[in-house]
Amino acid sequence: MSSEPYKTAPQPETTTSWEKEAARPPVAPPRPPTESRASAAYFALVDVVLRFLLFASALVAVLVMVTSKQTEKVPIPIYPYQAPMSAKFNHSPAFVYFVAALSALGFYSIITSLFSLFALLRPGSCPKLVSHFVIFDVLFLGIVAAATGTAGGVAYIGLKGNSHTGWSKICNIYDKFCRHIGASIAVSLAASILLAMLVLFSISSLSKKIPK
């Protein structure tokens, strides 16, 4: 009688399913994306458009201001003679500061527009660019707003005068000069609004990247 090897009966599995789940190493949950490619591309596109408009407004404001020269004949103390006198933007320090501030803004908007185009082509670099843009945007917003307010105050005196201090109005004589000044200040005000929109838009984009 041939002997067969002794075979043990299979033991029933005693490990339950919940014990198996507990023995598995914990898996970290997937981190939700902070910003999709579509939203990053949308931000970069809007940023490029706003900065291009900012450059255009700064350029127009400077060109209109520096071309505001007008020469008219005005009465002199020797009656009844008149002498030609010119009104230029560089006769007022406020207007010189205005031109300097808007010129710096135009140069800044060119540089940031190029970086925004780069961010549009490579959306991954957008958050780092935004964090730098918002600081300089706030700085230039203060500079341009101060220049606009200063130039506007001087322009108002030229338009209305000030009887308390004896400052005479000049816009009744240099009408073309005053129209240039007023148009330049209006465009500069539009540039200030564009800068404020850029600041708010950048802050809104950065706030979406903060983990909830």
N, C-alpha and C. Protein backbone atom coordinates (compact mmCIF):
# COMPACT_ATOMS: atom_id res chain seq x y z
N MET A 1 0.85 -1.18 0.00
CA MET A 1 0.00 0.00 0.00
C MET A 1 0.89 1.24 0.00
N SER A 2 0.76 2.05 -1.10
CA SER A 2 1.63 3.24 -1.26
C SER A 2 1.15 4.36 -0.36
N SER A 3 2.14 5.00 0.26
CA SER A 3 1.80 6.11 1.18
C SER A 3 1.81 7.42 0.45
N GLU A 4 0.83 8.21 0.62
CA GLU A 4 0.74 9.53 0.02
C GLU A 4 1.17 10.58 1.02
N PRO A 5 1.77 11.67 0.54
CA PRO A 5 2.18 12.73 1.49
C PRO A 5 0.98 13.33 2.19
N TYR A 6 1.27 13.63 3.44
CA TYR A 6 0.20 14.16 4.27
C TYR A 6 -0.11 15.60 3.88
N LYS A 7 -1.30 15.91 3.56
CA LYS A 7 -1.74 17.25 3.15
C LYS A 7 -2.61 17.85 4.24
N THR A 8 -2.23 19.04 4.59
CA THR A 8 -3.03 19.75 5.61
C THR A 8 -4.16 20.48 4.94
N ALA A 9 -5.24 20.52 5.59
CA ALA A 9 -6.41 21.25 5.06
C ALA A 9 -6.15 22.75 5.12
N PRO A 10 -6.56 23.49 4.11
CA PRO A 10 -6.36 24.95 4.10
C PRO A 10 -7.09 25.60 5.27
N GLN A 11 -6.34 26.46 5.95
CA GLN A 11 -6.90 27.16 7.10
C GLN A 11 -7.80 28.31 6.62
N PRO A 12 -8.87 28.50 7.26
CA PRO A 12 -9.76 29.60 6.87
C PRO A 12 -9.10 30.96 7.17
N GLU A 13 -9.30 31.91 6.30
CA GLU A 13 -8.72 33.24 6.46
C GLU A 13 -9.44 33.98 7.57
N THR A 14 -8.62 34.38 8.55
CA THR A 14 -9.19 35.02 9.73
C THR A 14 -9.09 36.54 9.68
N THR A 15 -8.30 37.10 8.72
CA THR A 15 -8.14 38.56 8.65
C THR A 15 -9.34 39.18 7.97
N THR A 16 -9.95 40.06 8.62
CA THR A 16 -11.13 40.72 8.06
C THR A 16 -10.73 41.84 7.11
N SER A 17 -11.70 42.31 6.36
CA SER A 17 -11.43 43.36 5.36
C SER A 17 -11.04 44.67 6.01
N TRP A 18 -11.65 44.97 7.15
CA TRP A 18 -11.31 46.25 7.78
C TRP A 18 -9.91 46.23 8.37
N GLU A 19 -9.44 45.02 8.78
CA GLU A 19 -8.07 44.91 9.26
C GLU A 19 -7.07 45.10 8.12
N LYS A 20 -7.44 44.59 6.92
CA LYS A 20 -6.57 44.79 5.76
C LYS A 20 -6.47 46.27 5.40
N GLU A 21 -7.60 46.94 5.48
CA GLU A 21 -7.59 48.36 5.17
C GLU A 21 -6.75 49.15 6.17
N ALA A 22 -6.83 48.70 7.44
CA ALA A 22 -6.06 49.39 8.47
C ALA A 22 -4.56 49.14 8.32
N ALA A 23 -4.19 47.96 7.77
CA ALA A 23 -2.78 47.63 7.62
C ALA A 23 -2.13 48.34 6.45
N ARG A 24 -2.91 48.80 5.52
CA ARG A 24 -2.34 49.50 4.37
C ARG A 24 -1.74 50.84 4.79
N PRO A 25 -0.65 51.23 4.15
CA PRO A 25 -0.06 52.55 4.49
C PRO A 25 -0.98 53.67 4.06
N PRO A 26 -1.06 54.70 4.84
CA PRO A 26 -1.97 55.81 4.48
C PRO A 26 -1.51 56.48 3.19
N VAL A 27 -2.49 56.79 2.39
CA VAL A 27 -2.23 57.46 1.11
C VAL A 27 -2.67 58.91 1.24
N ALA A 28 -1.77 59.80 0.91
CA ALA A 28 -2.09 61.22 1.00
C ALA A 28 -3.13 61.58 -0.03
N PRO A 29 -4.15 62.33 0.35
CA PRO A 29 -5.18 62.72 -0.62
C PRO A 29 -4.60 63.64 -1.68
N PRO A 30 -5.07 63.53 -2.89
CA PRO A 30 -4.55 64.42 -3.95
C PRO A 30 -4.86 65.88 -3.65
N ARG A 31 -3.86 66.71 -3.83
CA ARG A 31 -4.05 68.13 -3.58
C ARG A 31 -4.82 68.77 -4.73
N PRO A 32 -5.87 69.47 -4.44
CA PRO A 32 -6.65 70.07 -5.52
C PRO A 32 -5.86 71.17 -6.20
N PRO A 33 -5.97 71.30 -7.48
CA PRO A 33 -5.24 72.36 -8.19
C PRO A 33 -5.71 73.73 -7.75
N THR A 34 -4.76 74.61 -7.49
CA THR A 34 -5.12 75.95 -7.05
C THR A 34 -5.67 76.80 -8.19
N GLU A 35 -5.22 76.56 -9.36
CA GLU A 35 -5.69 77.36 -10.49
C GLU A 35 -5.53 76.55 -11.76
N SER A 36 -6.55 76.47 -12.53
CA SER A 36 -6.49 75.73 -13.77
C SER A 36 -5.75 76.51 -14.83
N ARG A 37 -5.37 75.81 -15.89
CA ARG A 37 -4.67 76.46 -16.98
C ARG A 37 -5.55 77.52 -17.64
N ALA A 38 -6.84 77.23 -17.72
CA ALA A 38 -7.73 78.19 -18.38
C ALA A 38 -7.81 79.50 -17.61
N SER A 39 -7.93 79.42 -16.29
CA SER A 39 -8.02 80.64 -15.50
C SER A 39 -6.70 81.40 -15.51
N ALA A 40 -5.56 80.67 -15.52
CA ALA A 40 -4.26 81.34 -15.58
C ALA A 40 -4.08 82.06 -16.91
N ALA A 41 -4.50 81.41 -18.00
CA ALA A 41 -4.40 82.05 -19.31
C ALA A 41 -5.34 83.25 -19.39
N TYR A 42 -6.51 83.14 -18.76
CA TYR A 42 -7.46 84.26 -18.76
C TYR A 42 -6.87 85.45 -18.02
N PHE A 43 -6.25 85.19 -16.87
CA PHE A 43 -5.65 86.29 -16.12
C PHE A 43 -4.54 86.96 -16.93
N ALA A 44 -3.68 86.14 -17.55
CA ALA A 44 -2.57 86.71 -18.31
C ALA A 44 -3.07 87.54 -19.48
N LEU A 45 -4.14 87.08 -20.13
CA LEU A 45 -4.68 87.82 -21.27
C LEU A 45 -5.25 89.17 -20.83
N VAL A 46 -6.04 89.17 -19.76
CA VAL A 46 -6.60 90.42 -19.25
C VAL A 46 -5.50 91.36 -18.78
N ASP A 47 -4.48 90.79 -18.16
CA ASP A 47 -3.37 91.61 -17.68
C ASP A 47 -2.64 92.28 -18.84
N VAL A 48 -2.43 91.55 -19.93
CA VAL A 48 -1.76 92.12 -21.10
C VAL A 48 -2.59 93.26 -21.69
N VAL A 49 -3.90 93.06 -21.79
CA VAL A 49 -4.77 94.09 -22.37
C VAL A 49 -4.77 95.34 -21.51
N LEU A 50 -4.89 95.18 -20.20
CA LEU A 50 -4.92 96.34 -19.30
C LEU A 50 -3.59 97.10 -19.32
N ARG A 51 -2.50 96.36 -19.39
CA ARG A 51 -1.19 97.04 -19.40
C ARG A 51 -0.93 97.72 -20.74
N PHE A 52 -1.44 97.17 -21.81
CA PHE A 52 -1.32 97.85 -23.09
C PHE A 52 -2.13 99.16 -23.08
N LEU A 53 -3.33 99.12 -22.53
CA LEU A 53 -4.13 100.34 -22.40
C LEU A 53 -3.45 101.35 -21.47
N LEU A 54 -2.78 100.84 -20.44
CA LEU A 54 -2.06 101.72 -19.53
C LEU A 54 -0.92 102.43 -20.25
N PHE A 55 -0.20 101.71 -21.08
CA PHE A 55 0.88 102.32 -21.85
C PHE A 55 0.33 103.38 -22.81
N ALA A 56 -0.78 103.04 -23.48
CA ALA A 56 -1.37 103.99 -24.43
C ALA A 56 -1.83 105.26 -23.72
N SER A 57 -2.46 105.13 -22.56
CA SER A 57 -2.93 106.31 -21.84
C SER A 57 -1.76 107.16 -21.33
N ALA A 58 -0.70 106.52 -20.85
CA ALA A 58 0.47 107.28 -20.39
C ALA A 58 1.13 108.02 -21.54
N LEU A 59 1.23 107.35 -22.68
CA LEU A 59 1.85 107.99 -23.85
C LEU A 59 1.03 109.18 -24.33
N VAL A 60 -0.28 109.01 -24.40
CA VAL A 60 -1.15 110.10 -24.86
C VAL A 60 -1.09 111.27 -23.88
N ALA A 61 -1.10 110.99 -22.59
CA ALA A 61 -1.06 112.07 -21.60
C ALA A 61 0.23 112.88 -21.71
N VAL A 62 1.35 112.20 -21.92
CA VAL A 62 2.62 112.91 -22.04
C VAL A 62 2.68 113.73 -23.32
N LEU A 63 2.25 113.13 -24.43
CA LEU A 63 2.30 113.84 -25.71
C LEU A 63 1.40 115.08 -25.71
N VAL A 64 0.22 114.94 -25.14
CA VAL A 64 -0.70 116.09 -25.11
C VAL A 64 -0.15 117.19 -24.21
N MET A 65 0.49 116.81 -23.10
CA MET A 65 1.04 117.80 -22.18
C MET A 65 2.22 118.55 -22.80
N VAL A 66 3.15 117.82 -23.43
CA VAL A 66 4.35 118.49 -23.94
C VAL A 66 4.07 119.30 -25.20
N THR A 67 2.93 119.09 -25.85
CA THR A 67 2.57 119.87 -27.04
C THR A 67 1.58 120.98 -26.70
N SER A 68 1.56 121.41 -25.44
CA SER A 68 0.57 122.40 -25.01
C SER A 68 1.07 123.83 -25.11
N LYS A 69 2.13 124.09 -25.85
CA LYS A 69 2.68 125.44 -25.96
C LYS A 69 1.74 126.34 -26.75
N GLN A 70 1.56 127.56 -26.28
CA GLN A 70 0.74 128.56 -26.98
C GLN A 70 1.32 129.94 -26.72
N THR A 71 1.40 130.71 -27.77
CA THR A 71 1.93 132.08 -27.68
C THR A 71 0.83 133.07 -28.04
N GLU A 72 0.62 134.04 -27.16
CA GLU A 72 -0.39 135.06 -27.37
C GLU A 72 0.18 136.42 -26.98
N LYS A 73 -0.43 137.48 -27.52
CA LYS A 73 -0.05 138.84 -27.15
C LYS A 73 -0.84 139.26 -25.92
N VAL A 74 -0.12 139.67 -24.91
CA VAL A 74 -0.76 140.07 -23.66
C VAL A 74 -0.35 141.50 -23.34
N PRO A 75 -1.20 142.25 -22.63
CA PRO A 75 -0.85 143.65 -22.29
C PRO A 75 0.36 143.71 -21.37
N ILE A 76 1.16 144.70 -21.55
CA ILE A 76 2.31 144.96 -20.70
C ILE A 76 2.09 146.28 -19.97
N PRO A 77 2.88 146.60 -18.93
CA PRO A 77 2.65 147.84 -18.17
C PRO A 77 2.70 149.11 -19.02
N ILE A 78 3.37 149.07 -20.15
CA ILE A 78 3.44 150.28 -21.00
C ILE A 78 2.22 150.28 -21.91
N TYR A 79 1.16 150.94 -21.49
CA TYR A 79 -0.09 150.97 -22.26
C TYR A 79 0.11 151.83 -23.51
N PRO A 80 -0.45 151.48 -24.64
CA PRO A 80 -1.33 150.34 -24.92
C PRO A 80 -0.61 149.21 -25.64
N TYR A 81 0.67 149.06 -25.37
CA TYR A 81 1.45 148.06 -26.08
C TYR A 81 1.17 146.66 -25.54
N GLN A 82 1.38 145.68 -26.44
CA GLN A 82 1.25 144.27 -26.09
C GLN A 82 2.51 143.53 -26.53
N ALA A 83 2.83 142.50 -25.81
CA ALA A 83 4.02 141.71 -26.12
C ALA A 83 3.64 140.24 -26.20
N PRO A 84 4.26 139.51 -27.14
CA PRO A 84 3.96 138.07 -27.21
C PRO A 84 4.58 137.33 -26.03
N MET A 85 3.78 136.49 -25.40
CA MET A 85 4.24 135.67 -24.29
C MET A 85 3.73 134.25 -24.50
N SER A 86 4.57 133.30 -24.11
CA SER A 86 4.24 131.88 -24.33
C SER A 86 3.89 131.20 -23.01
N ALA A 87 3.02 130.24 -23.12
CA ALA A 87 2.67 129.38 -21.98
C ALA A 87 3.12 127.96 -22.32
N LYS A 88 3.99 127.39 -21.48
CA LYS A 88 4.52 126.06 -21.70
C LYS A 88 4.34 125.23 -20.43
N PHE A 89 4.37 123.93 -20.61
CA PHE A 89 4.19 123.05 -19.44
C PHE A 89 5.37 123.15 -18.49
N ASN A 90 6.59 123.40 -19.02
CA ASN A 90 7.76 123.45 -18.15
C ASN A 90 7.87 124.75 -17.37
N HIS A 91 6.89 125.63 -17.50
CA HIS A 91 6.84 126.82 -16.66
C HIS A 91 6.30 126.51 -15.27
N SER A 92 5.71 125.34 -15.10
CA SER A 92 5.14 124.95 -13.81
C SER A 92 5.81 123.67 -13.32
N PRO A 93 6.37 123.66 -12.12
CA PRO A 93 6.96 122.42 -11.58
C PRO A 93 5.95 121.28 -11.47
N ALA A 94 4.69 121.62 -11.23
CA ALA A 94 3.67 120.57 -11.12
C ALA A 94 3.51 119.83 -12.45
N PHE A 95 3.54 120.57 -13.57
CA PHE A 95 3.40 119.94 -14.87
C PHE A 95 4.66 119.15 -15.24
N VAL A 96 5.83 119.64 -14.81
CA VAL A 96 7.08 118.89 -15.05
C VAL A 96 7.05 117.56 -14.30
N TYR A 97 6.60 117.60 -13.05
CA TYR A 97 6.45 116.36 -12.29
C TYR A 97 5.43 115.44 -12.93
N PHE A 98 4.38 116.00 -13.46
CA PHE A 98 3.35 115.22 -14.14
C PHE A 98 3.96 114.47 -15.34
N VAL A 99 4.73 115.18 -16.16
CA VAL A 99 5.34 114.55 -17.33
C VAL A 99 6.34 113.47 -16.91
N ALA A 100 7.12 113.73 -15.87
CA ALA A 100 8.09 112.74 -15.39
C ALA A 100 7.39 111.48 -14.87
N ALA A 101 6.31 111.67 -14.11
CA ALA A 101 5.60 110.52 -13.54
C ALA A 101 4.94 109.68 -14.63
N LEU A 102 4.31 110.34 -15.60
CA LEU A 102 3.65 109.59 -16.67
C LEU A 102 4.65 108.94 -17.61
N SER A 103 5.81 109.56 -17.80
CA SER A 103 6.85 108.94 -18.61
C SER A 103 7.38 107.67 -17.95
N ALA A 104 7.60 107.74 -16.64
CA ALA A 104 8.03 106.55 -15.90
C ALA A 104 6.96 105.46 -15.95
N LEU A 105 5.71 105.86 -15.88
CA LEU A 105 4.62 104.89 -15.98
C LEU A 105 4.60 104.21 -17.34
N GLY A 106 4.82 104.99 -18.41
CA GLY A 106 4.85 104.39 -19.74
C GLY A 106 5.98 103.38 -19.90
N PHE A 107 7.16 103.72 -19.37
CA PHE A 107 8.29 102.78 -19.43
C PHE A 107 8.00 101.53 -18.61
N TYR A 108 7.40 101.71 -17.44
CA TYR A 108 7.05 100.57 -16.60
C TYR A 108 6.01 99.68 -17.26
N SER A 109 5.03 100.28 -17.92
CA SER A 109 3.98 99.49 -18.55
C SER A 109 4.52 98.69 -19.73
N ILE A 110 5.54 99.21 -20.43
CA ILE A 110 6.15 98.42 -21.51
C ILE A 110 6.82 97.16 -20.96
N ILE A 111 7.59 97.33 -19.89
CA ILE A 111 8.30 96.18 -19.30
C ILE A 111 7.31 95.15 -18.78
N THR A 112 6.30 95.60 -18.05
CA THR A 112 5.34 94.64 -17.49
C THR A 112 4.48 94.00 -18.57
N SER A 113 4.23 94.70 -19.67
CA SER A 113 3.49 94.09 -20.77
C SER A 113 4.27 92.93 -21.38
N LEU A 114 5.58 93.09 -21.50
CA LEU A 114 6.41 92.00 -22.03
C LEU A 114 6.40 90.81 -21.08
N PHE A 115 6.48 91.07 -19.79
CA PHE A 115 6.42 89.96 -18.83
C PHE A 115 5.05 89.30 -18.83
N SER A 116 4.00 90.08 -19.04
CA SER A 116 2.66 89.50 -19.11
C SER A 116 2.50 88.61 -20.34
N LEU A 117 3.10 89.02 -21.45
CA LEU A 117 3.10 88.16 -22.64
C LEU A 117 3.84 86.86 -22.37
N PHE A 118 4.94 86.94 -21.64
CA PHE A 118 5.66 85.73 -21.26
C PHE A 118 4.81 84.83 -20.37
N ALA A 119 4.07 85.44 -19.45
CA ALA A 119 3.18 84.66 -18.58
C ALA A 119 2.03 84.05 -19.37
N LEU A 120 1.60 84.73 -20.44
CA LEU A 120 0.54 84.18 -21.27
C LEU A 120 1.01 82.95 -22.02
N LEU A 121 2.29 82.94 -22.42
CA LEU A 121 2.85 81.78 -23.11
C LEU A 121 3.20 80.66 -22.14
N ARG A 122 3.57 81.03 -20.92
CA ARG A 122 3.92 80.04 -19.90
C ARG A 122 3.12 80.32 -18.64
N PRO A 123 1.91 79.78 -18.55
CA PRO A 123 1.03 80.11 -17.41
C PRO A 123 1.60 79.70 -16.07
N GLY A 124 2.54 78.75 -16.03
CA GLY A 124 3.10 78.33 -14.76
C GLY A 124 3.86 79.40 -14.04
N SER A 125 4.38 80.37 -14.76
CA SER A 125 5.15 81.45 -14.14
C SER A 125 4.28 82.61 -13.70
N CYS A 126 2.99 82.51 -13.91
CA CYS A 126 2.10 83.63 -13.63
C CYS A 126 2.03 84.03 -12.16
N PRO A 127 1.91 83.08 -11.20
CA PRO A 127 1.78 83.50 -9.80
C PRO A 127 2.97 84.33 -9.31
N LYS A 128 4.19 83.93 -9.69
CA LYS A 128 5.35 84.68 -9.24
C LYS A 128 5.37 86.09 -9.83
N LEU A 129 4.97 86.22 -11.08
CA LEU A 129 4.94 87.53 -11.71
C LEU A 129 3.89 88.43 -11.05
N VAL A 130 2.74 87.85 -10.74
CA VAL A 130 1.67 88.64 -10.13
C VAL A 130 2.10 89.19 -8.78
N SER A 131 2.80 88.38 -7.99
CA SER A 131 3.23 88.84 -6.67
C SER A 131 4.18 90.02 -6.76
N HIS A 132 4.97 90.10 -7.84
CA HIS A 132 5.85 91.25 -8.03
C HIS A 132 5.10 92.42 -8.64
N PHE A 133 4.19 92.16 -9.55
CA PHE A 133 3.45 93.23 -10.22
C PHE A 133 2.63 94.05 -9.25
N VAL A 134 1.98 93.38 -8.32
CA VAL A 134 1.03 94.08 -7.46
C VAL A 134 1.75 95.11 -6.58
N ILE A 135 3.00 94.86 -6.21
CA ILE A 135 3.74 95.81 -5.38
C ILE A 135 4.05 97.08 -6.18
N PHE A 136 4.57 96.89 -7.39
CA PHE A 136 4.92 98.06 -8.21
C PHE A 136 3.68 98.77 -8.74
N ASP A 137 2.60 98.04 -8.96
CA ASP A 137 1.36 98.68 -9.39
C ASP A 137 0.83 99.63 -8.33
N VAL A 138 0.88 99.21 -7.08
CA VAL A 138 0.44 100.08 -5.98
C VAL A 138 1.36 101.30 -5.88
N LEU A 139 2.67 101.10 -6.05
CA LEU A 139 3.61 102.21 -5.98
C LEU A 139 3.33 103.24 -7.09
N PHE A 140 3.15 102.76 -8.32
CA PHE A 140 2.89 103.69 -9.42
C PHE A 140 1.50 104.30 -9.32
N LEU A 141 0.56 103.60 -8.73
CA LEU A 141 -0.76 104.19 -8.53
C LEU A 141 -0.67 105.42 -7.64
N GLY A 142 0.13 105.33 -6.58
CA GLY A 142 0.31 106.49 -5.72
C GLY A 142 1.03 107.64 -6.42
N ILE A 143 2.05 107.31 -7.23
CA ILE A 143 2.80 108.35 -7.93
C ILE A 143 1.93 109.06 -8.96
N VAL A 144 1.20 108.27 -9.76
CA VAL A 144 0.38 108.86 -10.82
C VAL A 144 -0.80 109.63 -10.23
N ALA A 145 -1.40 109.11 -9.16
CA ALA A 145 -2.51 109.83 -8.53
C ALA A 145 -2.03 111.16 -7.95
N ALA A 146 -0.84 111.18 -7.35
CA ALA A 146 -0.31 112.44 -6.82
C ALA A 146 -0.01 113.42 -7.94
N ALA A 147 0.56 112.93 -9.04
CA ALA A 147 0.86 113.81 -10.18
C ALA A 147 -0.41 114.37 -10.79
N THR A 148 -1.43 113.53 -10.91
CA THR A 148 -2.70 113.98 -11.48
C THR A 148 -3.36 115.02 -10.59
N GLY A 149 -3.36 114.79 -9.29
CA GLY A 149 -3.96 115.76 -8.37
C GLY A 149 -3.22 117.08 -8.34
N THR A 150 -1.88 117.01 -8.38
CA THR A 150 -1.09 118.24 -8.36
C THR A 150 -1.31 119.06 -9.62
N ALA A 151 -1.25 118.39 -10.77
CA ALA A 151 -1.48 119.10 -12.03
C ALA A 151 -2.91 119.63 -12.11
N GLY A 152 -3.86 118.87 -11.60
CA GLY A 152 -5.25 119.34 -11.61
C GLY A 152 -5.45 120.58 -10.76
N GLY A 153 -4.77 120.65 -9.62
CA GLY A 153 -4.88 121.85 -8.78
C GLY A 153 -4.34 123.09 -9.46
N VAL A 154 -3.19 122.95 -10.13
CA VAL A 154 -2.62 124.09 -10.85
C VAL A 154 -3.50 124.48 -12.04
N ALA A 155 -4.04 123.47 -12.72
CA ALA A 155 -4.92 123.76 -13.87
C ALA A 155 -6.19 124.47 -13.42
N TYR A 156 -6.71 124.11 -12.26
CA TYR A 156 -7.92 124.77 -11.77
C TYR A 156 -7.65 126.24 -11.47
N ILE A 157 -6.48 126.53 -10.92
CA ILE A 157 -6.14 127.94 -10.67
C ILE A 157 -6.02 128.70 -11.98
N GLY A 158 -5.43 128.05 -13.01
CA GLY A 158 -5.36 128.70 -14.31
C GLY A 158 -6.72 128.93 -14.93
N LEU A 159 -7.67 128.06 -14.61
CA LEU A 159 -9.02 128.19 -15.18
C LEU A 159 -9.87 129.21 -14.42
N LYS A 160 -9.82 129.16 -13.11
CA LYS A 160 -10.69 130.00 -12.29
C LYS A 160 -9.96 131.15 -11.60
N GLY A 161 -8.65 130.98 -11.38
CA GLY A 161 -7.93 131.99 -10.61
C GLY A 161 -8.23 131.88 -9.13
N ASN A 162 -7.67 132.81 -8.36
CA ASN A 162 -7.92 132.84 -6.93
C ASN A 162 -7.86 134.30 -6.47
N SER A 163 -9.03 134.84 -6.24
CA SER A 163 -9.10 136.25 -5.88
C SER A 163 -8.52 136.53 -4.50
N HIS A 164 -8.50 135.55 -3.60
CA HIS A 164 -7.99 135.76 -2.25
C HIS A 164 -6.47 135.94 -2.25
N THR A 165 -5.79 135.27 -3.15
CA THR A 165 -4.33 135.36 -3.21
C THR A 165 -3.84 136.24 -4.35
N GLY A 166 -4.76 136.72 -5.17
CA GLY A 166 -4.38 137.57 -6.27
C GLY A 166 -3.85 136.83 -7.49
N TRP A 167 -4.14 135.54 -7.59
CA TRP A 167 -3.70 134.76 -8.75
C TRP A 167 -4.75 134.91 -9.85
N SER A 168 -4.32 135.40 -10.97
CA SER A 168 -5.25 135.63 -12.08
C SER A 168 -5.39 134.37 -12.93
N LYS A 169 -6.57 134.20 -13.49
CA LYS A 169 -6.77 133.09 -14.41
C LYS A 169 -6.13 133.41 -15.76
N ILE A 170 -5.70 132.36 -16.45
CA ILE A 170 -5.02 132.54 -17.74
C ILE A 170 -5.72 131.81 -18.87
N CYS A 171 -6.71 130.99 -18.56
CA CYS A 171 -7.35 130.20 -19.61
C CYS A 171 -8.20 131.06 -20.54
N ASN A 172 -8.54 132.27 -20.11
CA ASN A 172 -9.26 133.17 -21.02
C ASN A 172 -8.34 133.73 -22.09
N ILE A 173 -7.03 133.59 -21.88
CA ILE A 173 -6.05 134.04 -22.87
C ILE A 173 -5.44 132.84 -23.60
N TYR A 174 -4.96 131.87 -22.84
CA TYR A 174 -4.32 130.68 -23.41
C TYR A 174 -5.34 129.53 -23.42
N ASP A 175 -6.32 129.65 -24.30
CA ASP A 175 -7.38 128.64 -24.32
C ASP A 175 -6.89 127.29 -24.84
N LYS A 176 -6.09 127.32 -25.89
CA LYS A 176 -5.55 126.05 -26.43
C LYS A 176 -4.65 125.36 -25.41
N PHE A 177 -3.82 126.12 -24.75
CA PHE A 177 -2.94 125.58 -23.71
C PHE A 177 -3.75 124.90 -22.61
N CYS A 178 -4.80 125.54 -22.18
CA CYS A 178 -5.62 124.98 -21.10
C CYS A 178 -6.38 123.73 -21.56
N ARG A 179 -6.81 123.73 -22.83
CA ARG A 179 -7.49 122.53 -23.33
C ARG A 179 -6.53 121.34 -23.35
N HIS A 180 -5.29 121.57 -23.75
CA HIS A 180 -4.29 120.48 -23.73
C HIS A 180 -4.06 119.98 -22.30
N ILE A 181 -3.94 120.92 -21.38
CA ILE A 181 -3.71 120.53 -19.99
C ILE A 181 -4.88 119.72 -19.45
N GLY A 182 -6.09 120.17 -19.72
CA GLY A 182 -7.27 119.45 -19.23
C GLY A 182 -7.39 118.07 -19.84
N ALA A 183 -7.12 117.95 -21.14
CA ALA A 183 -7.20 116.63 -21.78
C ALA A 183 -6.13 115.69 -21.24
N SER A 184 -4.93 116.21 -21.02
CA SER A 184 -3.86 115.37 -20.48
C SER A 184 -4.18 114.88 -19.08
N ILE A 185 -4.75 115.75 -18.26
CA ILE A 185 -5.12 115.34 -16.90
C ILE A 185 -6.25 114.30 -16.93
N ALA A 186 -7.19 114.45 -17.85
CA ALA A 186 -8.27 113.48 -17.96
C ALA A 186 -7.75 112.10 -18.36
N VAL A 187 -6.81 112.06 -19.29
CA VAL A 187 -6.22 110.79 -19.69
C VAL A 187 -5.40 110.18 -18.56
N SER A 188 -4.71 111.04 -17.80
CA SER A 188 -3.97 110.55 -16.65
C SER A 188 -4.89 109.97 -15.59
N LEU A 189 -6.07 110.57 -15.44
CA LEU A 189 -7.04 110.01 -14.51
C LEU A 189 -7.49 108.62 -14.96
N ALA A 190 -7.65 108.44 -16.28
CA ALA A 190 -7.98 107.12 -16.80
C ALA A 190 -6.86 106.12 -16.53
N ALA A 191 -5.61 106.58 -16.62
CA ALA A 191 -4.48 105.70 -16.30
C ALA A 191 -4.50 105.30 -14.83
N SER A 192 -4.87 106.21 -13.95
CA SER A 192 -4.97 105.88 -12.53
C SER A 192 -6.05 104.82 -12.29
N ILE A 193 -7.16 104.93 -13.01
CA ILE A 193 -8.23 103.94 -12.88
C ILE A 193 -7.77 102.58 -13.38
N LEU A 194 -7.02 102.56 -14.48
CA LEU A 194 -6.48 101.30 -15.00
C LEU A 194 -5.52 100.66 -14.00
N LEU A 195 -4.70 101.48 -13.36
CA LEU A 195 -3.79 100.94 -12.35
C LEU A 195 -4.56 100.36 -11.16
N ALA A 196 -5.62 101.05 -10.75
CA ALA A 196 -6.43 100.53 -9.65
C ALA A 196 -7.09 99.20 -10.05
N MET A 197 -7.54 99.10 -11.28
CA MET A 197 -8.11 97.84 -11.76
C MET A 197 -7.08 96.73 -11.78
N LEU A 198 -5.85 97.04 -12.18
CA LEU A 198 -4.78 96.04 -12.19
C LEU A 198 -4.47 95.56 -10.78
N VAL A 199 -4.45 96.48 -9.82
CA VAL A 199 -4.18 96.10 -8.43
C VAL A 199 -5.28 95.18 -7.91
N LEU A 200 -6.52 95.55 -8.12
CA LEU A 200 -7.64 94.72 -7.65
C LEU A 200 -7.66 93.36 -8.34
N PHE A 201 -7.38 93.36 -9.63
CA PHE A 201 -7.38 92.10 -10.38
C PHE A 201 -6.25 91.19 -9.91
N SER A 202 -5.07 91.76 -9.64
CA SER A 202 -3.95 90.96 -9.16
C SER A 202 -4.22 90.39 -7.76
N ILE A 203 -4.80 91.22 -6.89
CA ILE A 203 -5.12 90.73 -5.55
C ILE A 203 -6.16 89.63 -5.60
N SER A 204 -7.15 89.78 -6.48
CA SER A 204 -8.16 88.74 -6.63
C SER A 204 -7.56 87.44 -7.13
N SER A 205 -6.61 87.54 -8.06
CA SER A 205 -5.97 86.33 -8.58
C SER A 205 -5.11 85.67 -7.52
N LEU A 206 -4.41 86.46 -6.70
CA LEU A 206 -3.59 85.88 -5.63
C LEU A 206 -4.43 85.26 -4.52
N SER A 207 -5.57 85.85 -4.25
CA SER A 207 -6.43 85.31 -3.18
C SER A 207 -6.98 83.93 -3.54
N LYS A 208 -7.12 83.66 -4.83
CA LYS A 208 -7.62 82.34 -5.23
C LYS A 208 -6.59 81.24 -5.01
N LYS A 209 -5.33 81.62 -4.83
CA LYS A 209 -4.27 80.63 -4.62
C LYS A 209 -4.05 80.31 -3.16
N ILE A 210 -4.74 81.03 -2.26
CA ILE A 210 -4.62 80.74 -0.85
C ILE A 210 -5.43 79.49 -0.53
N PRO A 211 -4.83 78.48 0.10
CA PRO A 211 -5.59 77.27 0.42
C PRO A 211 -6.74 77.54 1.39
N LYS A 212 -7.86 76.95 1.08
CA LYS A 212 -9.06 77.15 1.90
C LYS A 212 -8.95 76.44 3.23
